[in-house]
Amino acid sequence: MRTKQFQTARYRISGIAPAGVQPEQCLESPEERVAAVMAALDDIGKLISNQCFSRPDALTQDSITAYALALMQLRECACAAGLGRLTKACDALAVTVARLIEDKNCACHQKCDALTRFVAHAHAMIQLSAEMPKHPTLPIAVAYSQAERALNEAGRYALQRVPH
């Protein structure tokens, strides 16, 4: 049996408003939408600057819940801005966050690293999506190699910041 919560989540995820519910008013310009994505991403950045995300034993239920809420906000902003790749990345990371919410004891360095590295990867995805329309004649293979390079650099930077 499907619950009301499941049904509203299904509509929110698919982007279709259920009958009788007014969809949220979108921001007018694409620049404003991207600015909202950046603000949501900055909120996640502020959360991970807290030292508890570098040590799994220091994670609290409140910090995990705050991260989950910020990730949901980022996902909604990314969807409104038309950043499909970032939206899917938020969905993928939500699985890890959900597992941490269910059982904080399953926290490990790899999961904490995934949460902290996500911000750098998200910045690279946004930068890539912003650059793609500017270079329509750029071959796809070159564009993807540039994106891979940016993601690898972001990952290396995040790893340098995380104590092992």
N, C-alpha and C. Protein backbone atom coordinates (compact mmCIF):
# COMPACT_ATOMS: atom_id res chain seq x y z
N MET A 1 0.84 -1.18 0.00
CA MET A 1 0.00 0.00 0.00
C MET A 1 0.89 1.24 0.00
N ARG A 2 0.59 2.16 -0.85
CA ARG A 2 1.38 3.39 -0.95
C ARG A 2 0.81 4.45 -0.03
N THR A 3 1.69 5.06 0.72
CA THR A 3 1.28 6.08 1.66
C THR A 3 1.26 7.45 0.99
N LYS A 4 0.65 8.38 1.65
CA LYS A 4 0.60 9.76 1.15
C LYS A 4 2.01 10.34 1.03
N GLN A 5 2.87 9.99 2.00
CA GLN A 5 4.25 10.48 1.96
C GLN A 5 4.96 9.97 0.72
N PHE A 6 4.76 8.69 0.39
CA PHE A 6 5.39 8.11 -0.81
C PHE A 6 4.89 8.83 -2.05
N GLN A 7 3.59 9.09 -2.12
CA GLN A 7 3.03 9.72 -3.30
C GLN A 7 3.55 11.13 -3.49
N THR A 8 3.63 11.92 -2.42
CA THR A 8 4.14 13.27 -2.57
C THR A 8 5.63 13.27 -2.89
N ALA A 9 6.38 12.32 -2.34
CA ALA A 9 7.81 12.23 -2.68
C ALA A 9 7.97 11.86 -4.15
N ARG A 10 7.12 10.97 -4.64
CA ARG A 10 7.21 10.56 -6.04
C ARG A 10 6.97 11.76 -6.95
N TYR A 11 5.99 12.60 -6.61
CA TYR A 11 5.73 13.78 -7.43
C TYR A 11 6.86 14.78 -7.33
N ARG A 12 7.43 14.95 -6.12
CA ARG A 12 8.53 15.90 -5.95
C ARG A 12 9.74 15.45 -6.75
N ILE A 13 10.03 14.15 -6.74
CA ILE A 13 11.19 13.65 -7.46
C ILE A 13 11.01 13.76 -8.96
N SER A 14 9.83 13.45 -9.45
CA SER A 14 9.61 13.49 -10.89
C SER A 14 9.40 14.92 -11.40
N GLY A 15 9.16 15.86 -10.48
CA GLY A 15 9.00 17.24 -10.89
C GLY A 15 7.59 17.61 -11.30
N ILE A 16 6.64 16.69 -11.13
CA ILE A 16 5.25 16.94 -11.49
C ILE A 16 4.50 17.27 -10.20
N ALA A 17 3.79 18.36 -10.19
CA ALA A 17 3.04 18.73 -9.00
C ALA A 17 1.76 17.93 -8.93
N PRO A 18 1.42 17.39 -7.76
CA PRO A 18 0.17 16.65 -7.64
C PRO A 18 -1.03 17.59 -7.77
N ALA A 19 -2.18 17.02 -8.06
CA ALA A 19 -3.39 17.81 -8.24
C ALA A 19 -3.70 18.59 -6.97
N GLY A 20 -4.05 19.85 -7.11
CA GLY A 20 -4.42 20.67 -5.97
C GLY A 20 -3.25 21.36 -5.30
N VAL A 21 -2.04 21.08 -5.72
CA VAL A 21 -0.87 21.71 -5.11
C VAL A 21 -0.26 22.67 -6.11
N GLN A 22 -0.02 23.89 -5.67
CA GLN A 22 0.59 24.89 -6.53
C GLN A 22 2.10 24.67 -6.56
N PRO A 23 2.70 24.56 -7.74
CA PRO A 23 4.16 24.42 -7.79
C PRO A 23 4.83 25.69 -7.30
N GLU A 24 6.01 25.53 -6.71
CA GLU A 24 6.75 26.69 -6.23
C GLU A 24 7.10 27.59 -7.41
N GLN A 25 7.04 28.87 -7.15
CA GLN A 25 7.36 29.82 -8.21
C GLN A 25 8.87 29.79 -8.46
N CYS A 26 9.23 29.56 -9.69
CA CYS A 26 10.65 29.47 -10.05
C CYS A 26 11.25 30.86 -10.13
N LEU A 27 12.53 30.92 -9.92
CA LEU A 27 13.23 32.17 -10.10
C LEU A 27 13.21 32.52 -11.58
N GLU A 28 13.25 33.79 -11.87
CA GLU A 28 13.04 34.24 -13.24
C GLU A 28 14.18 33.89 -14.19
N SER A 29 15.40 34.25 -13.85
CA SER A 29 16.48 34.09 -14.82
C SER A 29 17.34 32.88 -14.49
N PRO A 30 18.01 32.32 -15.50
CA PRO A 30 18.92 31.20 -15.25
C PRO A 30 20.05 31.58 -14.30
N GLU A 31 20.49 32.83 -14.34
CA GLU A 31 21.55 33.28 -13.43
C GLU A 31 21.10 33.20 -11.98
N GLU A 32 19.84 33.58 -11.73
CA GLU A 32 19.30 33.51 -10.37
C GLU A 32 19.18 32.06 -9.92
N ARG A 33 18.82 31.19 -10.82
CA ARG A 33 18.70 29.77 -10.48
C ARG A 33 20.07 29.19 -10.12
N VAL A 34 21.08 29.53 -10.91
CA VAL A 34 22.44 29.04 -10.63
C VAL A 34 22.94 29.66 -9.33
N ALA A 35 22.59 30.92 -9.07
CA ALA A 35 22.98 31.56 -7.80
C ALA A 35 22.36 30.83 -6.62
N ALA A 36 21.11 30.37 -6.77
CA ALA A 36 20.46 29.61 -5.71
C ALA A 36 21.17 28.27 -5.49
N VAL A 37 21.63 27.65 -6.58
CA VAL A 37 22.38 26.39 -6.47
C VAL A 37 23.68 26.65 -5.73
N MET A 38 24.37 27.71 -6.07
CA MET A 38 25.64 28.03 -5.42
C MET A 38 25.43 28.33 -3.93
N ALA A 39 24.34 29.01 -3.60
CA ALA A 39 24.06 29.30 -2.19
C ALA A 39 23.79 28.01 -1.42
N ALA A 40 23.03 27.10 -2.03
CA ALA A 40 22.76 25.81 -1.38
C ALA A 40 24.04 25.00 -1.23
N LEU A 41 24.90 25.07 -2.22
CA LEU A 41 26.18 24.36 -2.16
C LEU A 41 27.09 24.97 -1.09
N ASP A 42 27.03 26.28 -0.94
CA ASP A 42 27.80 26.94 0.12
C ASP A 42 27.32 26.52 1.51
N ASP A 43 26.00 26.30 1.63
CA ASP A 43 25.46 25.83 2.91
C ASP A 43 26.05 24.45 3.26
N ILE A 44 26.15 23.58 2.27
CA ILE A 44 26.76 22.27 2.51
C ILE A 44 28.23 22.44 2.84
N GLY A 45 28.90 23.36 2.17
CA GLY A 45 30.30 23.63 2.46
C GLY A 45 30.52 24.08 3.89
N LYS A 46 29.60 24.90 4.40
CA LYS A 46 29.70 25.34 5.80
C LYS A 46 29.51 24.17 6.75
N LEU A 47 28.61 23.25 6.38
CA LEU A 47 28.39 22.08 7.24
C LEU A 47 29.61 21.18 7.30
N ILE A 48 30.25 20.95 6.15
CA ILE A 48 31.39 20.03 6.15
C ILE A 48 32.65 20.68 6.71
N SER A 49 32.64 21.99 6.85
CA SER A 49 33.80 22.62 7.47
C SER A 49 33.86 22.27 8.96
N ASN A 50 32.74 21.79 9.50
CA ASN A 50 32.69 21.30 10.86
C ASN A 50 33.57 20.05 10.95
N GLN A 51 34.36 19.94 11.96
CA GLN A 51 35.32 18.85 12.08
C GLN A 51 34.68 17.46 12.21
N CYS A 52 33.41 17.38 12.58
CA CYS A 52 32.81 16.06 12.78
C CYS A 52 32.72 15.25 11.49
N PHE A 53 32.75 15.91 10.34
CA PHE A 53 32.68 15.17 9.08
C PHE A 53 34.03 14.58 8.67
N SER A 54 35.09 14.96 9.36
CA SER A 54 36.39 14.36 9.07
C SER A 54 36.66 13.15 9.96
N ARG A 55 35.87 13.00 11.02
CA ARG A 55 36.03 11.86 11.93
C ARG A 55 34.67 11.16 12.09
N PRO A 56 34.54 9.93 11.63
CA PRO A 56 33.25 9.23 11.72
C PRO A 56 32.72 9.08 13.14
N ASP A 57 33.60 8.91 14.11
CA ASP A 57 33.14 8.73 15.49
C ASP A 57 32.57 10.02 16.09
N ALA A 58 32.85 11.15 15.47
CA ALA A 58 32.35 12.43 15.98
C ALA A 58 31.04 12.85 15.33
N LEU A 59 30.56 12.10 14.35
CA LEU A 59 29.30 12.45 13.69
C LEU A 59 28.14 12.37 14.67
N THR A 60 27.27 13.34 14.61
CA THR A 60 26.06 13.31 15.43
C THR A 60 24.85 13.18 14.52
N GLN A 61 23.75 12.76 15.10
CA GLN A 61 22.52 12.61 14.33
C GLN A 61 22.07 13.97 13.79
N ASP A 62 22.28 15.02 14.57
CA ASP A 62 21.90 16.37 14.13
C ASP A 62 22.72 16.82 12.93
N SER A 63 24.03 16.53 12.93
CA SER A 63 24.86 16.94 11.80
C SER A 63 24.51 16.17 10.54
N ILE A 64 24.18 14.91 10.68
CA ILE A 64 23.79 14.10 9.52
C ILE A 64 22.46 14.60 8.97
N THR A 65 21.52 14.91 9.86
CA THR A 65 20.21 15.41 9.43
C THR A 65 20.35 16.78 8.77
N ALA A 66 21.20 17.63 9.31
CA ALA A 66 21.42 18.95 8.70
C ALA A 66 22.01 18.79 7.29
N TYR A 67 22.93 17.85 7.13
CA TYR A 67 23.52 17.59 5.81
C TYR A 67 22.44 17.10 4.85
N ALA A 68 21.57 16.20 5.33
CA ALA A 68 20.50 15.67 4.48
C ALA A 68 19.56 16.78 4.01
N LEU A 69 19.20 17.68 4.91
CA LEU A 69 18.31 18.78 4.54
C LEU A 69 18.98 19.72 3.54
N ALA A 70 20.26 20.01 3.75
CA ALA A 70 20.98 20.87 2.82
C ALA A 70 21.11 20.20 1.46
N LEU A 71 21.31 18.88 1.46
CA LEU A 71 21.40 18.15 0.19
C LEU A 71 20.07 18.16 -0.55
N MET A 72 18.97 18.05 0.17
CA MET A 72 17.65 18.13 -0.46
C MET A 72 17.43 19.51 -1.08
N GLN A 73 17.85 20.55 -0.37
CA GLN A 73 17.71 21.91 -0.89
C GLN A 73 18.55 22.08 -2.16
N LEU A 74 19.77 21.56 -2.12
CA LEU A 74 20.64 21.65 -3.30
C LEU A 74 20.02 20.91 -4.48
N ARG A 75 19.44 19.74 -4.22
CA ARG A 75 18.84 18.95 -5.29
C ARG A 75 17.68 19.71 -5.93
N GLU A 76 16.84 20.32 -5.11
CA GLU A 76 15.70 21.06 -5.65
C GLU A 76 16.17 22.27 -6.47
N CYS A 77 17.18 22.96 -5.99
CA CYS A 77 17.71 24.12 -6.73
C CYS A 77 18.35 23.67 -8.04
N ALA A 78 19.09 22.56 -8.00
CA ALA A 78 19.74 22.04 -9.21
C ALA A 78 18.70 21.61 -10.23
N CYS A 79 17.63 21.00 -9.77
CA CYS A 79 16.57 20.58 -10.67
C CYS A 79 15.90 21.79 -11.32
N ALA A 80 15.65 22.83 -10.52
CA ALA A 80 15.03 24.05 -11.06
C ALA A 80 15.95 24.75 -12.04
N ALA A 81 17.27 24.64 -11.82
CA ALA A 81 18.23 25.29 -12.71
C ALA A 81 18.52 24.45 -13.95
N GLY A 82 17.98 23.24 -14.01
CA GLY A 82 18.21 22.39 -15.17
C GLY A 82 19.56 21.70 -15.16
N LEU A 83 20.14 21.53 -13.99
CA LEU A 83 21.43 20.85 -13.86
C LEU A 83 21.18 19.37 -13.55
N GLY A 84 20.88 18.63 -14.61
CA GLY A 84 20.49 17.22 -14.45
C GLY A 84 21.58 16.36 -13.84
N ARG A 85 22.82 16.60 -14.23
CA ARG A 85 23.91 15.77 -13.70
C ARG A 85 24.09 16.00 -12.20
N LEU A 86 23.98 17.23 -11.76
CA LEU A 86 24.09 17.53 -10.34
C LEU A 86 22.90 16.97 -9.58
N THR A 87 21.73 17.02 -10.18
CA THR A 87 20.54 16.45 -9.55
C THR A 87 20.73 14.95 -9.32
N LYS A 88 21.25 14.26 -10.33
CA LYS A 88 21.48 12.83 -10.19
C LYS A 88 22.57 12.53 -9.16
N ALA A 89 23.58 13.39 -9.10
CA ALA A 89 24.64 13.21 -8.10
C ALA A 89 24.08 13.38 -6.69
N CYS A 90 23.17 14.32 -6.51
CA CYS A 90 22.51 14.50 -5.21
C CYS A 90 21.70 13.26 -4.85
N ASP A 91 21.00 12.70 -5.83
CA ASP A 91 20.24 11.48 -5.59
C ASP A 91 21.14 10.33 -5.17
N ALA A 92 22.29 10.22 -5.84
CA ALA A 92 23.22 9.14 -5.52
C ALA A 92 23.79 9.31 -4.11
N LEU A 93 24.14 10.51 -3.74
CA LEU A 93 24.70 10.75 -2.41
C LEU A 93 23.63 10.60 -1.33
N ALA A 94 22.39 10.83 -1.68
CA ALA A 94 21.31 10.70 -0.71
C ALA A 94 21.22 9.28 -0.15
N VAL A 95 21.63 8.29 -0.92
CA VAL A 95 21.63 6.91 -0.44
C VAL A 95 22.59 6.77 0.74
N THR A 96 23.78 7.32 0.61
CA THR A 96 24.77 7.27 1.69
C THR A 96 24.27 8.01 2.91
N VAL A 97 23.68 9.18 2.71
CA VAL A 97 23.18 9.97 3.82
C VAL A 97 22.03 9.23 4.51
N ALA A 98 21.17 8.60 3.75
CA ALA A 98 20.06 7.85 4.33
C ALA A 98 20.56 6.69 5.19
N ARG A 99 21.60 6.01 4.73
CA ARG A 99 22.18 4.92 5.53
C ARG A 99 22.76 5.45 6.83
N LEU A 100 23.38 6.62 6.78
CA LEU A 100 23.92 7.22 8.00
C LEU A 100 22.81 7.64 8.95
N ILE A 101 21.70 8.11 8.41
CA ILE A 101 20.57 8.49 9.26
C ILE A 101 20.01 7.26 9.95
N GLU A 102 19.87 6.17 9.20
CA GLU A 102 19.32 4.94 9.76
C GLU A 102 20.22 4.34 10.83
N ASP A 103 21.54 4.36 10.56
CA ASP A 103 22.47 3.74 11.50
C ASP A 103 23.77 4.54 11.51
N LYS A 104 23.90 5.41 12.50
CA LYS A 104 25.10 6.25 12.60
C LYS A 104 26.35 5.40 12.82
N ASN A 105 26.17 4.20 13.35
CA ASN A 105 27.31 3.33 13.63
C ASN A 105 27.97 2.79 12.36
N CYS A 106 27.30 2.91 11.21
CA CYS A 106 27.89 2.43 9.95
C CYS A 106 28.80 3.49 9.33
N ALA A 107 28.99 4.61 10.03
CA ALA A 107 29.86 5.67 9.51
C ALA A 107 31.30 5.19 9.46
N CYS A 108 31.95 5.47 8.35
CA CYS A 108 33.35 5.13 8.19
C CYS A 108 34.04 6.29 7.46
N HIS A 109 35.35 6.21 7.36
CA HIS A 109 36.10 7.30 6.70
C HIS A 109 35.69 7.47 5.25
N GLN A 110 35.38 6.36 4.56
CA GLN A 110 35.01 6.44 3.15
C GLN A 110 33.70 7.21 2.97
N LYS A 111 32.73 6.96 3.84
CA LYS A 111 31.46 7.67 3.72
C LYS A 111 31.63 9.14 4.06
N CYS A 112 32.41 9.43 5.08
CA CYS A 112 32.67 10.83 5.45
C CYS A 112 33.43 11.54 4.33
N ASP A 113 34.37 10.84 3.71
CA ASP A 113 35.11 11.42 2.57
C ASP A 113 34.16 11.72 1.42
N ALA A 114 33.21 10.82 1.18
CA ALA A 114 32.25 11.04 0.09
C ALA A 114 31.42 12.29 0.36
N LEU A 115 31.04 12.49 1.61
CA LEU A 115 30.24 13.67 1.95
C LEU A 115 31.06 14.95 1.78
N THR A 116 32.33 14.91 2.16
CA THR A 116 33.14 16.13 2.06
C THR A 116 33.59 16.40 0.63
N ARG A 117 33.89 15.36 -0.13
CA ARG A 117 34.35 15.56 -1.50
C ARG A 117 33.24 16.03 -2.42
N PHE A 118 32.00 15.77 -2.05
CA PHE A 118 30.87 16.10 -2.91
C PHE A 118 30.85 17.58 -3.28
N VAL A 119 31.20 18.45 -2.36
CA VAL A 119 31.15 19.90 -2.62
C VAL A 119 32.10 20.26 -3.76
N ALA A 120 33.32 19.73 -3.72
CA ALA A 120 34.28 20.03 -4.79
C ALA A 120 33.80 19.46 -6.12
N HIS A 121 33.25 18.27 -6.10
CA HIS A 121 32.74 17.66 -7.33
C HIS A 121 31.55 18.46 -7.87
N ALA A 122 30.69 18.92 -6.98
CA ALA A 122 29.52 19.70 -7.41
C ALA A 122 29.95 21.02 -8.04
N HIS A 123 30.96 21.66 -7.46
CA HIS A 123 31.48 22.89 -8.07
C HIS A 123 32.00 22.62 -9.48
N ALA A 124 32.69 21.50 -9.66
CA ALA A 124 33.21 21.15 -10.98
C ALA A 124 32.06 20.88 -11.96
N MET A 125 31.00 20.23 -11.50
CA MET A 125 29.84 19.97 -12.37
C MET A 125 29.18 21.27 -12.80
N ILE A 126 29.03 22.20 -11.87
CA ILE A 126 28.41 23.48 -12.19
C ILE A 126 29.27 24.25 -13.17
N GLN A 127 30.57 24.24 -12.93
CA GLN A 127 31.48 24.93 -13.84
C GLN A 127 31.42 24.33 -15.23
N LEU A 128 31.38 23.01 -15.30
CA LEU A 128 31.30 22.34 -16.60
C LEU A 128 30.01 22.70 -17.32
N SER A 129 28.90 22.69 -16.60
CA SER A 129 27.63 23.01 -17.26
C SER A 129 27.58 24.47 -17.68
N ALA A 130 28.28 25.35 -16.95
CA ALA A 130 28.32 26.76 -17.34
C ALA A 130 29.20 26.98 -18.56
N GLU A 131 30.24 26.16 -18.72
CA GLU A 131 31.15 26.32 -19.84
C GLU A 131 30.65 25.65 -21.11
N MET A 132 29.85 24.64 -21.01
CA MET A 132 29.41 23.89 -22.18
C MET A 132 28.70 24.75 -23.22
N PRO A 133 27.74 25.61 -22.86
CA PRO A 133 27.09 26.42 -23.90
C PRO A 133 28.02 27.43 -24.55
N LYS A 134 29.07 27.84 -23.85
CA LYS A 134 29.99 28.83 -24.41
C LYS A 134 30.84 28.25 -25.53
N HIS A 135 31.06 26.94 -25.53
CA HIS A 135 31.92 26.29 -26.51
C HIS A 135 31.14 25.22 -27.27
N PRO A 136 30.15 25.61 -28.07
CA PRO A 136 29.34 24.59 -28.74
C PRO A 136 30.12 23.78 -29.78
N THR A 137 31.23 24.30 -30.29
CA THR A 137 31.98 23.57 -31.30
C THR A 137 33.05 22.67 -30.69
N LEU A 138 33.22 22.72 -29.38
CA LEU A 138 34.21 21.90 -28.71
C LEU A 138 33.80 20.44 -28.80
N PRO A 139 34.65 19.56 -29.27
CA PRO A 139 34.28 18.15 -29.35
C PRO A 139 33.92 17.60 -27.98
N ILE A 140 32.98 16.69 -27.96
CA ILE A 140 32.49 16.13 -26.70
C ILE A 140 33.62 15.44 -25.94
N ALA A 141 34.49 14.70 -26.63
CA ALA A 141 35.58 13.99 -25.95
C ALA A 141 36.50 14.97 -25.24
N VAL A 142 36.77 16.12 -25.85
CA VAL A 142 37.63 17.12 -25.22
C VAL A 142 36.93 17.72 -24.01
N ALA A 143 35.65 18.01 -24.15
CA ALA A 143 34.90 18.59 -23.03
C ALA A 143 34.87 17.64 -21.85
N TYR A 144 34.65 16.35 -22.11
CA TYR A 144 34.63 15.39 -21.01
C TYR A 144 36.00 15.21 -20.40
N SER A 145 37.06 15.27 -21.19
CA SER A 145 38.39 15.14 -20.60
C SER A 145 38.70 16.35 -19.73
N GLN A 146 38.23 17.54 -20.12
CA GLN A 146 38.42 18.72 -19.28
C GLN A 146 37.63 18.57 -17.99
N ALA A 147 36.42 18.04 -18.07
CA ALA A 147 35.61 17.84 -16.87
C ALA A 147 36.24 16.81 -15.96
N GLU A 148 36.76 15.73 -16.53
CA GLU A 148 37.44 14.72 -15.72
C GLU A 148 38.64 15.32 -15.01
N ARG A 149 39.39 16.14 -15.71
CA ARG A 149 40.56 16.77 -15.11
C ARG A 149 40.13 17.66 -13.94
N ALA A 150 39.06 18.42 -14.12
CA ALA A 150 38.58 19.30 -13.05
C ALA A 150 38.11 18.48 -11.85
N LEU A 151 37.40 17.38 -12.11
CA LEU A 151 36.93 16.53 -11.01
C LEU A 151 38.10 15.87 -10.30
N ASN A 152 39.11 15.41 -11.04
CA ASN A 152 40.27 14.79 -10.41
C ASN A 152 41.03 15.80 -9.55
N GLU A 153 41.18 17.02 -10.05
CA GLU A 153 41.86 18.05 -9.27
C GLU A 153 41.06 18.37 -8.01
N ALA A 154 39.74 18.43 -8.12
CA ALA A 154 38.91 18.70 -6.96
C ALA A 154 39.02 17.56 -5.96
N GLY A 155 39.05 16.33 -6.44
CA GLY A 155 39.18 15.18 -5.55
C GLY A 155 40.52 15.17 -4.84
N ARG A 156 41.61 15.49 -5.57
CA ARG A 156 42.93 15.54 -4.95
C ARG A 156 42.97 16.63 -3.88
N TYR A 157 42.36 17.78 -4.17
CA TYR A 157 42.33 18.86 -3.20
C TYR A 157 41.59 18.43 -1.94
N ALA A 158 40.44 17.77 -2.12
CA ALA A 158 39.66 17.32 -0.96
C ALA A 158 40.43 16.29 -0.16
N LEU A 159 41.13 15.40 -0.82
CA LEU A 159 41.91 14.38 -0.11
C LEU A 159 43.05 14.98 0.68
N GLN A 160 43.63 16.07 0.17
CA GLN A 160 44.72 16.72 0.88
C GLN A 160 44.22 17.37 2.16
N ARG A 161 42.97 17.81 2.15
CA ARG A 161 42.41 18.49 3.31
C ARG A 161 41.95 17.52 4.38
N VAL A 162 41.63 16.27 4.01
CA VAL A 162 41.12 15.30 4.96
C VAL A 162 42.29 14.57 5.60
N PRO A 163 42.43 14.63 6.93
CA PRO A 163 43.51 13.89 7.56
C PRO A 163 43.24 12.39 7.50
N HIS A 164 44.27 11.63 7.24
CA HIS A 164 44.10 10.17 7.10
C HIS A 164 44.38 9.45 8.38
